[in-house]
Amino acid sequence: MDVRHIIGVLKSAFRKRVKTPLGRWNLDNHTQTKLKINYANEDHCGSCGEYIVQKQQFEIVKQEQQQKEETYMYMIGHQELPSKK
């Protein structure tokens, strides 16, 4: 080791470091980061398709809820609904 190497190491140790964005994993906000993680897991998972299964289950629950609401609206009739002002 020579003197120039030691001086270079000391300079780099005390230099301000700029946080470099890590491309896809740049932490912008929590929601966006979670979405990126889910997409990455889906990319690596391949055939398991867990993300798709979760989305399909969510859609099924959403459709069932909408169907219940429509049935309720049919049962009470449109006359019973409060008027919107």
PDB file of N, CA and C in Angstrom:
ATOM      1  N   MET A   1       0.850  -1.181   0.000  1.00  0.00           N
ATOM      2  CA  MET A   1       0.000   0.000   0.000  1.00  0.00           C
ATOM      3  C   MET A   1       0.887   1.232   0.000  1.00  0.00           C
ATOM      4  N   ASP A   2       0.552   2.119  -0.850  1.00  0.00           N
ATOM      5  CA  ASP A   2       1.320   3.348  -0.880  1.00  0.00           C
ATOM      6  C   ASP A   2       0.486   4.491  -0.300  1.00  0.00           C
ATOM      7  N   VAL A   3       1.103   5.644  -0.195  1.00  0.00           N
ATOM      8  CA  VAL A   3       0.482   6.813   0.444  1.00  0.00           C
ATOM      9  C   VAL A   3      -0.724   7.294  -0.366  1.00  0.00           C
ATOM     10  N   ARG A   4      -0.646   7.260  -1.683  1.00  0.00           N
ATOM     11  CA  ARG A   4      -1.760   7.733  -2.516  1.00  0.00           C
ATOM     12  C   ARG A   4      -3.021   6.885  -2.301  1.00  0.00           C
ATOM     13  N   HIS A   5      -2.839   5.614  -2.134  1.00  0.00           N
ATOM     14  CA  HIS A   5      -3.974   4.731  -1.886  1.00  0.00           C
ATOM     15  C   HIS A   5      -4.648   5.065  -0.553  1.00  0.00           C
ATOM     16  N   ILE A   6      -3.834   5.264   0.473  1.00  0.00           N
ATOM     17  CA  ILE A   6      -4.365   5.596   1.804  1.00  0.00           C
ATOM     18  C   ILE A   6      -5.089   6.940   1.766  1.00  0.00           C
ATOM     19  N   ILE A   7      -4.518   7.933   1.082  1.00  0.00           N
ATOM     20  CA  ILE A   7      -5.161   9.248   0.960  1.00  0.00           C
ATOM     21  C   ILE A   7      -6.484   9.114   0.206  1.00  0.00           C
ATOM     22  N   GLY A   8      -6.514   8.318  -0.841  1.00  0.00           N
ATOM     23  CA  GLY A   8      -7.740   8.098  -1.611  1.00  0.00           C
ATOM     24  C   GLY A   8      -8.831   7.439  -0.775  1.00  0.00           C
ATOM     25  N   VAL A   9      -8.442   6.481   0.048  1.00  0.00           N
ATOM     26  CA  VAL A   9      -9.408   5.807   0.918  1.00  0.00           C
ATOM     27  C   VAL A   9      -9.967   6.785   1.939  1.00  0.00           C
ATOM     28  N   LEU A  10      -9.125   7.602   2.536  1.00  0.00           N
ATOM     29  CA  LEU A  10      -9.587   8.578   3.524  1.00  0.00           C
ATOM     30  C   LEU A  10     -10.498   9.629   2.895  1.00  0.00           C
ATOM     31  N   LYS A  11     -10.166  10.092   1.690  1.00  0.00           N
ATOM     32  CA  LYS A  11     -11.025  11.069   1.010  1.00  0.00           C
ATOM     33  C   LYS A  11     -12.401  10.472   0.709  1.00  0.00           C
ATOM     34  N   SER A  12     -12.424   9.246   0.243  1.00  0.00           N
ATOM     35  CA  SER A  12     -13.715   8.635  -0.090  1.00  0.00           C
ATOM     36  C   SER A  12     -14.536   8.341   1.161  1.00  0.00           C
ATOM     37  N   ALA A  13     -13.864   8.130   2.294  1.00  0.00           N
ATOM     38  CA  ALA A  13     -14.590   7.868   3.538  1.00  0.00           C
ATOM     39  C   ALA A  13     -15.315   9.100   4.043  1.00  0.00           C
ATOM     40  N   PHE A  14     -14.766  10.277   3.820  1.00  0.00           N
ATOM     41  CA  PHE A  14     -15.367  11.503   4.341  1.00  0.00           C
ATOM     42  C   PHE A  14     -16.161  12.277   3.293  1.00  0.00           C
ATOM     43  N   ARG A  15     -16.212  11.793   2.090  1.00  0.00           N
ATOM     44  CA  ARG A  15     -16.950  12.443   1.020  1.00  0.00           C
ATOM     45  C   ARG A  15     -18.445  12.182   1.189  1.00  0.00           C
ATOM     46  N   LYS A  16     -19.271  13.179   0.864  1.00  0.00           N
ATOM     47  CA  LYS A  16     -20.710  12.987   0.930  1.00  0.00           C
ATOM     48  C   LYS A  16     -21.121  11.993  -0.141  1.00  0.00           C
ATOM     49  N   ARG A  17     -21.972  11.089   0.245  1.00  0.00           N
ATOM     50  CA  ARG A  17     -22.426  10.077  -0.699  1.00  0.00           C
ATOM     51  C   ARG A  17     -23.817  10.433  -1.176  1.00  0.00           C
ATOM     52  N   VAL A  18     -23.996  10.331  -2.439  1.00  0.00           N
ATOM     53  CA  VAL A  18     -25.294  10.578  -3.044  1.00  0.00           C
ATOM     54  C   VAL A  18     -25.999   9.238  -3.180  1.00  0.00           C
ATOM     55  N   LYS A  19     -27.237   9.185  -2.676  1.00  0.00           N
ATOM     56  CA  LYS A  19     -27.987   7.945  -2.766  1.00  0.00           C
ATOM     57  C   LYS A  19     -28.366   7.714  -4.224  1.00  0.00           C
ATOM     58  N   THR A  20     -27.890   6.624  -4.757  1.00  0.00           N
ATOM     59  CA  THR A  20     -28.196   6.325  -6.151  1.00  0.00           C
ATOM     60  C   THR A  20     -29.513   5.571  -6.231  1.00  0.00           C
ATOM     61  N   PRO A  21     -30.380   5.989  -7.138  1.00  0.00           N
ATOM     62  CA  PRO A  21     -31.628   5.251  -7.302  1.00  0.00           C
ATOM     63  C   PRO A  21     -31.341   3.856  -7.836  1.00  0.00           C
ATOM     64  N   LEU A  22     -32.050   2.902  -7.344  1.00  0.00           N
ATOM     65  CA  LEU A  22     -31.768   1.518  -7.700  1.00  0.00           C
ATOM     66  C   LEU A  22     -32.716   1.006  -8.778  1.00  0.00           C
ATOM     67  N   GLY A  23     -33.036   1.842  -9.724  1.00  0.00           N
ATOM     68  CA  GLY A  23     -33.888   1.415 -10.833  1.00  0.00           C
ATOM     69  C   GLY A  23     -35.270   1.030 -10.360  1.00  0.00           C
ATOM     70  N   ARG A  24     -35.642  -0.192 -10.630  1.00  0.00           N
ATOM     71  CA  ARG A  24     -36.978  -0.675 -10.278  1.00  0.00           C
ATOM     72  C   ARG A  24     -37.218  -0.643  -8.777  1.00  0.00           C
ATOM     73  N   TRP A  25     -36.176  -0.756  -7.994  1.00  0.00           N
ATOM     74  CA  TRP A  25     -36.329  -0.820  -6.539  1.00  0.00           C
ATOM     75  C   TRP A  25     -36.109   0.515  -5.862  1.00  0.00           C
ATOM     76  N   ASN A  26     -36.125   1.607  -6.599  1.00  0.00           N
ATOM     77  CA  ASN A  26     -36.032   2.932  -5.998  1.00  0.00           C
ATOM     78  C   ASN A  26     -37.255   3.134  -5.105  1.00  0.00           C
ATOM     79  N   LEU A  27     -37.046   3.410  -3.840  1.00  0.00           N
ATOM     80  CA  LEU A  27     -38.141   3.484  -2.878  1.00  0.00           C
ATOM     81  C   LEU A  27     -38.810   4.854  -2.939  1.00  0.00           C
ATOM     82  N   ASP A  28     -39.863   4.973  -3.765  1.00  0.00           N
ATOM     83  CA  ASP A  28     -40.582   6.230  -3.901  1.00  0.00           C
ATOM     84  C   ASP A  28     -41.588   6.403  -2.769  1.00  0.00           C
ATOM     85  N   ASN A  29     -42.497   5.489  -2.652  1.00  0.00           N
ATOM     86  CA  ASN A  29     -43.443   5.495  -1.553  1.00  0.00           C
ATOM     87  C   ASN A  29     -43.843   4.064  -1.234  1.00  0.00           C
ATOM     88  N   HIS A  30     -44.502   3.883  -0.120  1.00  0.00           N
ATOM     89  CA  HIS A  30     -44.789   2.542   0.386  1.00  0.00           C
ATOM     90  C   HIS A  30     -45.717   1.764  -0.548  1.00  0.00           C
ATOM     91  N   THR A  31     -46.765   2.408  -1.048  1.00  0.00           N
ATOM     92  CA  THR A  31     -47.727   1.735  -1.912  1.00  0.00           C
ATOM     93  C   THR A  31     -47.067   1.285  -3.204  1.00  0.00           C
ATOM     94  N   GLN A  32     -46.301   2.180  -3.791  1.00  0.00           N
ATOM     95  CA  GLN A  32     -45.631   1.851  -5.044  1.00  0.00           C
ATOM     96  C   GLN A  32     -44.602   0.742  -4.830  1.00  0.00           C
ATOM     97  N   THR A  33     -43.915   0.771  -3.713  1.00  0.00           N
ATOM     98  CA  THR A  33     -42.915  -0.253  -3.414  1.00  0.00           C
ATOM     99  C   THR A  33     -43.570  -1.620  -3.249  1.00  0.00           C
ATOM    100  N   LYS A  34     -44.711  -1.672  -2.542  1.00  0.00           N
ATOM    101  CA  LYS A  34     -45.417  -2.941  -2.369  1.00  0.00           C
ATOM    102  C   LYS A  34     -45.872  -3.505  -3.713  1.00  0.00           C
ATOM    103  N   LEU A  35     -46.339  -2.628  -4.586  1.00  0.00           N
ATOM    104  CA  LEU A  35     -46.767  -3.067  -5.906  1.00  0.00           C
ATOM    105  C   LEU A  35     -45.591  -3.622  -6.697  1.00  0.00           C
ATOM    106  N   LYS A  36     -44.442  -2.960  -6.618  1.00  0.00           N
ATOM    107  CA  LYS A  36     -43.248  -3.444  -7.316  1.00  0.00           C
ATOM    108  C   LYS A  36     -42.818  -4.807  -6.781  1.00  0.00           C
ATOM    109  N   ILE A  37     -42.913  -4.984  -5.466  1.00  0.00           N
ATOM    110  CA  ILE A  37     -42.545  -6.265  -4.861  1.00  0.00           C
ATOM    111  C   ILE A  37     -43.479  -7.365  -5.347  1.00  0.00           C
ATOM    112  N   ASN A  38     -44.775  -7.068  -5.394  1.00  0.00           N
ATOM    113  CA  ASN A  38     -45.726  -8.064  -5.892  1.00  0.00           C
ATOM    114  C   ASN A  38     -45.436  -8.434  -7.335  1.00  0.00           C
ATOM    115  N   TYR A  39     -45.140  -7.437  -8.162  1.00  0.00           N
ATOM    116  CA  TYR A  39     -44.818  -7.711  -9.559  1.00  0.00           C
ATOM    117  C   TYR A  39     -43.537  -8.534  -9.673  1.00  0.00           C
ATOM    118  N   ALA A  40     -42.547  -8.233  -8.861  1.00  0.00           N
ATOM    119  CA  ALA A  40     -41.293  -8.983  -8.916  1.00  0.00           C
ATOM    120  C   ALA A  40     -41.514 -10.426  -8.484  1.00  0.00           C
ATOM    121  N   ASN A  41     -42.312 -10.618  -7.451  1.00  0.00           N
ATOM    122  CA  ASN A  41     -42.606 -11.983  -7.010  1.00  0.00           C
ATOM    123  C   ASN A  41     -43.339 -12.740  -8.104  1.00  0.00           C
ATOM    124  N   GLU A  42     -44.242 -12.058  -8.784  1.00  0.00           N
ATOM    125  CA  GLU A  42     -44.961 -12.695  -9.886  1.00  0.00           C
ATOM    126  C   GLU A  42     -43.993 -13.047 -11.010  1.00  0.00           C
ATOM    127  N   ASP A  43     -43.040 -12.159 -11.289  1.00  0.00           N
ATOM    128  CA  ASP A  43     -42.054 -12.412 -12.336  1.00  0.00           C
ATOM    129  C   ASP A  43     -41.240 -13.666 -12.029  1.00  0.00           C
ATOM    130  N   HIS A  44     -40.806 -13.809 -10.785  1.00  0.00           N
ATOM    131  CA  HIS A  44     -39.939 -14.918 -10.413  1.00  0.00           C
ATOM    132  C   HIS A  44     -40.718 -16.194 -10.158  1.00  0.00           C
ATOM    133  N   CYS A  45     -41.960 -16.050  -9.764  1.00  0.00           N
ATOM    134  CA  CYS A  45     -42.759 -17.220  -9.414  1.00  0.00           C
ATOM    135  C   CYS A  45     -43.094 -18.032 -10.659  1.00  0.00           C
ATOM    136  N   GLY A  46     -43.433 -17.356 -11.722  1.00  0.00           N
ATOM    137  CA  GLY A  46     -43.702 -18.060 -12.968  1.00  0.00           C
ATOM    138  C   GLY A  46     -45.024 -18.789 -12.966  1.00  0.00           C
ATOM    139  N   SER A  47     -45.009 -20.087 -12.819  1.00  0.00           N
ATOM    140  CA  SER A  47     -46.207 -20.888 -13.014  1.00  0.00           C
ATOM    141  C   SER A  47     -47.155 -20.892 -11.824  1.00  0.00           C
ATOM    142  N   CYS A  48     -46.724 -20.462 -10.663  1.00  0.00           N
ATOM    143  CA  CYS A  48     -47.609 -20.544  -9.496  1.00  0.00           C
ATOM    144  C   CYS A  48     -48.777 -19.567  -9.603  1.00  0.00           C
ATOM    145  N   GLY A  49     -48.552 -18.376 -10.149  1.00  0.00           N
ATOM    146  CA  GLY A  49     -49.635 -17.431 -10.407  1.00  0.00           C
ATOM    147  C   GLY A  49     -50.390 -16.986  -9.175  1.00  0.00           C
ATOM    148  N   GLU A  50     -49.731 -16.871  -8.054  1.00  0.00           N
ATOM    149  CA  GLU A  50     -50.411 -16.492  -6.807  1.00  0.00           C
ATOM    150  C   GLU A  50     -51.047 -15.107  -6.918  1.00  0.00           C
ATOM    151  N   TYR A  51     -50.382 -14.206  -7.574  1.00  0.00           N
ATOM    152  CA  TYR A  51     -50.912 -12.843  -7.712  1.00  0.00           C
ATOM    153  C   TYR A  51     -52.221 -12.858  -8.495  1.00  0.00           C
ATOM    154  N   ILE A  52     -52.273 -13.635  -9.562  1.00  0.00           N
ATOM    155  CA  ILE A  52     -53.483 -13.729 -10.369  1.00  0.00           C
ATOM    156  C   ILE A  52     -54.609 -14.356  -9.557  1.00  0.00           C
ATOM    157  N   VAL A  53     -54.304 -15.377  -8.776  1.00  0.00           N
ATOM    158  CA  VAL A  53     -55.321 -16.025  -7.950  1.00  0.00           C
ATOM    159  C   VAL A  53     -55.892 -15.034  -6.948  1.00  0.00           C
ATOM    160  N   GLN A  54     -55.041 -14.226  -6.331  1.00  0.00           N
ATOM    161  CA  GLN A  54     -55.515 -13.220  -5.383  1.00  0.00           C
ATOM    162  C   GLN A  54     -56.417 -12.209  -6.079  1.00  0.00           C
ATOM    163  N   LYS A  55     -56.011 -11.751  -7.250  1.00  0.00           N
ATOM    164  CA  LYS A  55     -56.824 -10.787  -7.986  1.00  0.00           C
ATOM    165  C   LYS A  55     -58.178 -11.395  -8.369  1.00  0.00           C
ATOM    166  N   GLN A  56     -58.189 -12.659  -8.793  1.00  0.00           N
ATOM    167  CA  GLN A  56     -59.439 -13.307  -9.167  1.00  0.00           C
ATOM    168  C   GLN A  56     -60.356 -13.467  -7.964  1.00  0.00           C
ATOM    169  N   GLN A  57     -59.798 -13.833  -6.816  1.00  0.00           N
ATOM    170  CA  GLN A  57     -60.603 -13.958  -5.608  1.00  0.00           C
ATOM    171  C   GLN A  57     -61.177 -12.608  -5.204  1.00  0.00           C
ATOM    172  N   PHE A  58     -60.404 -11.561  -5.336  1.00  0.00           N
ATOM    173  CA  PHE A  58     -60.886 -10.221  -5.019  1.00  0.00           C
ATOM    174  C   PHE A  58     -62.043  -9.847  -5.941  1.00  0.00           C
ATOM    175  N   GLU A  59     -61.920 -10.157  -7.223  1.00  0.00           N
ATOM    176  CA  GLU A  59     -62.981  -9.852  -8.180  1.00  0.00           C
ATOM    177  C   GLU A  59     -64.245 -10.642  -7.869  1.00  0.00           C
ATOM    178  N   ILE A  60     -64.107 -11.899  -7.463  1.00  0.00           N
ATOM    179  CA  ILE A  60     -65.260 -12.728  -7.116  1.00  0.00           C
ATOM    180  C   ILE A  60     -65.992 -12.139  -5.915  1.00  0.00           C
ATOM    181  N   VAL A  61     -65.242 -11.753  -4.892  1.00  0.00           N
ATOM    182  CA  VAL A  61     -65.849 -11.149  -3.701  1.00  0.00           C
ATOM    183  C   VAL A  61     -66.545  -9.845  -4.074  1.00  0.00           C
ATOM    184  N   LYS A  62     -65.910  -9.059  -4.918  1.00  0.00           N
ATOM    185  CA  LYS A  62     -66.492  -7.791  -5.346  1.00  0.00           C
ATOM    186  C   LYS A  62     -67.794  -8.023  -6.118  1.00  0.00           C
ATOM    187  N   GLN A  63     -67.805  -9.010  -7.000  1.00  0.00           N
ATOM    188  CA  GLN A  63     -69.014  -9.316  -7.760  1.00  0.00           C
ATOM    189  C   GLN A  63     -70.128  -9.827  -6.857  1.00  0.00           C
ATOM    190  N   GLU A  64     -69.787 -10.663  -5.871  1.00  0.00           N
ATOM    191  CA  GLU A  64     -70.798 -11.165  -4.934  1.00  0.00           C
ATOM    192  C   GLU A  64     -71.413 -10.023  -4.137  1.00  0.00           C
ATOM    193  N   GLN A  65     -70.573  -9.094  -3.699  1.00  0.00           N
ATOM    194  CA  GLN A  65     -71.067  -7.955  -2.946  1.00  0.00           C
ATOM    195  C   GLN A  65     -71.991  -7.099  -3.816  1.00  0.00           C
ATOM    196  N   GLN A  66     -71.605  -6.880  -5.055  1.00  0.00           N
ATOM    197  CA  GLN A  66     -72.433  -6.094  -5.973  1.00  0.00           C
ATOM    198  C   GLN A  66     -73.766  -6.806  -6.225  1.00  0.00           C
ATOM    199  N   GLN A  67     -73.733  -8.125  -6.345  1.00  0.00           N
ATOM    200  CA  GLN A  67     -74.942  -8.893  -6.577  1.00  0.00           C
ATOM    201  C   GLN A  67     -75.876  -8.795  -5.365  1.00  0.00           C
ATOM    202  N   LYS A  68     -75.326  -8.847  -4.155  1.00  0.00           N
ATOM    203  CA  LYS A  68     -76.134  -8.704  -2.942  1.00  0.00           C
ATOM    204  C   LYS A  68     -76.782  -7.323  -2.891  1.00  0.00           C
ATOM    205  N   GLU A  69     -76.015  -6.305  -3.243  1.00  0.00           N
ATOM    206  CA  GLU A  69     -76.556  -4.948  -3.246  1.00  0.00           C
ATOM    207  C   GLU A  69     -77.686  -4.815  -4.261  1.00  0.00           C
ATOM    208  N   GLU A  70     -77.508  -5.399  -5.441  1.00  0.00           N
ATOM    209  CA  GLU A  70     -78.542  -5.334  -6.468  1.00  0.00           C
ATOM    210  C   GLU A  70     -79.800  -6.068  -6.015  1.00  0.00           C
ATOM    211  N   THR A  71     -79.637  -7.222  -5.364  1.00  0.00           N
ATOM    212  CA  THR A  71     -80.778  -7.975  -4.854  1.00  0.00           C
ATOM    213  C   THR A  71     -81.515  -7.155  -3.795  1.00  0.00           C
ATOM    214  N   TYR A  72     -80.756  -6.520  -2.915  1.00  0.00           N
ATOM    215  CA  TYR A  72     -81.359  -5.683  -1.882  1.00  0.00           C
ATOM    216  C   TYR A  72     -82.132  -4.532  -2.512  1.00  0.00           C
ATOM    217  N   MET A  73     -81.537  -3.884  -3.503  1.00  0.00           N
ATOM    218  CA  MET A  73     -82.205  -2.768  -4.179  1.00  0.00           C
ATOM    219  C   MET A  73     -83.487  -3.255  -4.863  1.00  0.00           C
ATOM    220  N   TYR A  74     -83.475  -4.448  -5.424  1.00  0.00           N
ATOM    221  CA  TYR A  74     -84.652  -5.002  -6.082  1.00  0.00           C
ATOM    222  C   TYR A  74     -85.745  -5.276  -5.048  1.00  0.00           C
ATOM    223  N   MET A  75     -85.333  -5.803  -3.883  1.00  0.00           N
ATOM    224  CA  MET A  75     -86.306  -6.163  -2.850  1.00  0.00           C
ATOM    225  C   MET A  75     -86.996  -4.939  -2.252  1.00  0.00           C
ATOM    226  N   ILE A  76     -86.259  -3.854  -2.032  1.00  0.00           N
ATOM    227  CA  ILE A  76     -86.894  -2.688  -1.408  1.00  0.00           C
ATOM    228  C   ILE A  76     -87.596  -1.815  -2.435  1.00  0.00           C
ATOM    229  N   GLY A  77     -87.252  -1.978  -3.680  1.00  0.00           N
ATOM    230  CA  GLY A  77     -87.902  -1.213  -4.734  1.00  0.00           C
ATOM    231  C   GLY A  77     -87.330   0.180  -4.846  1.00  0.00           C
ATOM    232  N   HIS A  78     -87.496   0.776  -5.990  1.00  0.00           N
ATOM    233  CA  HIS A  78     -86.923   2.107  -6.217  1.00  0.00           C
ATOM    234  C   HIS A  78     -87.732   3.205  -5.532  1.00  0.00           C
ATOM    235  N   GLN A  79     -88.980   2.943  -5.157  1.00  0.00           N
ATOM    236  CA  GLN A  79     -89.782   3.961  -4.488  1.00  0.00           C
ATOM    237  C   GLN A  79     -89.283   4.252  -3.083  1.00  0.00           C
ATOM    238  N   GLU A  80     -88.681   3.263  -2.452  1.00  0.00           N
ATOM    239  CA  GLU A  80     -88.235   3.415  -1.075  1.00  0.00           C
ATOM    240  C   GLU A  80     -86.902   4.143  -0.925  1.00  0.00           C
ATOM    241  N   LEU A  81     -86.225   4.361  -2.021  1.00  0.00           N
ATOM    242  CA  LEU A  81     -84.923   5.011  -1.964  1.00  0.00           C
ATOM    243  C   LEU A  81     -85.094   6.503  -1.712  1.00  0.00           C
ATOM    244  N   PRO A  82     -84.238   7.085  -0.877  1.00  0.00           N
ATOM    245  CA  PRO A  82     -84.320   8.536  -0.655  1.00  0.00           C
ATOM    246  C   PRO A  82     -83.899   9.270  -1.921  1.00  0.00           C
ATOM    247  N   SER A  83     -84.565  10.382  -2.170  1.00  0.00           N
ATOM    248  CA  SER A  83     -84.218  11.147  -3.368  1.00  0.00           C
ATOM    249  C   SER A  83     -82.927  11.905  -3.153  1.00  0.00           C
ATOM    250  N   LYS A  84     -82.133  12.010  -4.188  1.00  0.00           N
ATOM    251  CA  LYS A  84     -80.875  12.740  -4.098  1.00  0.00           C
ATOM    252  C   LYS A  84     -81.138  14.193  -4.418  1.00  0.00           C
ATOM    253  N   LYS A  85     -80.592  15.081  -3.628  1.00  0.00           N
ATOM    254  CA  LYS A  85     -80.775  16.522  -3.868  1.00  0.00           C
ATOM    255  C   LYS A  85     -79.512  17.139  -4.358  1.00  0.00           C
TER     256      LYS A  85
END
